Amino acid sequence: MKEALTNHFKSCGVIAMVSFRRHPETDVVNGLATITMMGNDADEKVMLLNGSELGGRKLVVKANPTPRLKLDHLNLPFGGSSVPGTS
């Protein structure tokens, strides 16, 4: 399931993590997944996959953009004001 989701969403940006919500007692996946992505316009790109099919199931995709991580205050040696590939 993780590989199928990764392949389905990889065109939208860099996939940092794929996780599944599981039933607390049975540990069975309940059909909900969270895909954490990085990249320019990743939130807009994933929304293009809303309603697409994967494994015979119709996907409901919701973007939950998070603020860009600013690193100016950390005085890191590589410089820049955001995580590489995400600004």
Protein backbone atom coordinates (compact mmCIF):
# COMPACT_ATOMS: atom_id res chain seq x y z
CA MET A 1 0.00 0.00 0.00
CA LYS A 2 2.83 2.40 0.88
CA GLU A 3 4.63 1.73 -2.40
CA ALA A 4 1.42 2.19 -4.41
CA LEU A 5 0.71 5.55 -2.75
CA THR A 6 4.32 6.65 -3.18
CA ASN A 7 4.20 5.84 -6.90
CA HIS A 8 0.82 7.57 -7.28
CA PHE A 9 1.94 10.83 -5.62
CA LYS A 10 5.65 11.02 -6.55
CA SER A 11 4.98 13.36 -9.49
CA CYS A 12 3.68 15.99 -7.03
CA GLY A 13 6.95 16.54 -5.14
CA VAL A 14 9.36 14.90 -2.72
CA ILE A 15 7.60 12.45 -0.43
CA ALA A 16 9.01 12.80 3.08
CA MET A 17 6.70 10.31 4.81
CA VAL A 18 3.72 8.02 4.26
CA SER A 19 1.77 6.94 7.31
CA PHE A 20 -1.48 5.08 7.88
CA ARG A 21 -4.11 5.46 10.55
CA ARG A 22 -4.74 2.14 12.27
CA HIS A 23 -7.41 0.85 14.62
CA PRO A 24 -5.92 1.05 18.13
CA GLU A 25 -6.99 -2.47 19.17
CA THR A 26 -6.62 -4.47 15.95
CA ASP A 27 -3.80 -2.47 14.28
CA VAL A 28 -5.71 -2.79 10.98
CA VAL A 29 -5.37 0.13 8.55
CA ASN A 30 -8.69 1.98 8.44
CA GLY A 31 -8.31 3.43 4.94
CA LEU A 32 -6.81 6.79 5.89
CA ALA A 33 -3.28 7.74 4.93
CA THR A 34 -1.19 10.85 5.43
CA ILE A 35 1.46 11.73 2.87
CA THR A 36 3.92 14.44 3.88
CA MET A 37 5.36 16.15 0.82
CA MET A 38 7.87 18.87 0.09
CA GLY A 39 8.27 20.93 -3.03
CA ASN A 40 7.08 23.96 -4.89
CA ASP A 41 3.32 23.89 -5.33
CA ALA A 42 3.05 20.36 -3.90
CA ASP A 43 -0.30 21.21 -2.30
CA GLU A 44 -1.76 22.32 -5.63
CA LYS A 45 -0.30 19.31 -7.44
CA VAL A 46 -1.73 16.75 -5.01
CA MET A 47 -5.18 18.29 -5.39
CA LEU A 48 -5.08 17.32 -9.06
CA LEU A 49 -5.19 13.71 -7.86
CA ASN A 50 -8.42 14.19 -5.92
CA GLY A 51 -10.94 11.73 -7.32
CA SER A 52 -8.28 9.61 -9.04
CA GLU A 53 -8.35 5.84 -8.62
CA LEU A 54 -5.78 3.61 -6.99
CA GLY A 55 -6.27 -0.12 -6.58
CA GLY A 56 -9.92 0.14 -7.54
CA ARG A 57 -10.66 2.79 -4.92
CA LYS A 58 -11.45 6.44 -5.50
CA LEU A 59 -9.09 8.74 -3.58
CA VAL A 60 -10.27 11.73 -1.59
CA VAL A 61 -7.29 14.10 -1.38
CA LYS A 62 -7.09 17.04 1.00
CA ALA A 63 -4.11 19.38 1.12
CA ASN A 64 -3.05 20.70 4.49
CA PRO A 65 -0.26 23.17 3.68
CA THR A 66 2.11 24.03 6.48
CA PRO A 67 4.13 27.23 6.71
CA ARG A 68 7.55 27.16 5.11
CA LEU A 69 10.35 26.55 7.59
CA LYS A 70 12.51 29.66 7.84
CA LEU A 71 16.09 29.09 8.89
CA ASP A 72 17.48 32.65 8.92
CA HIS A 73 17.61 32.83 12.70
CA LEU A 74 19.68 29.63 12.98
CA ASN A 75 22.80 31.05 11.30
CA LEU A 76 23.52 27.79 9.47
CA PRO A 77 26.62 27.49 7.25
CA PHE A 78 24.72 26.66 4.04
CA GLY A 79 22.78 29.96 4.12
CA GLY A 80 19.43 30.51 2.49
CA SER A 81 16.10 31.33 4.01
CA SER A 82 14.22 28.08 3.58
CA VAL A 83 14.68 24.35 3.25
CA PRO A 84 16.30 23.56 -0.12
CA GLY A 85 13.73 22.56 -2.72
CA THR A 86 10.75 23.95 -0.80
CA SER A 87 10.85 27.69 -1.45
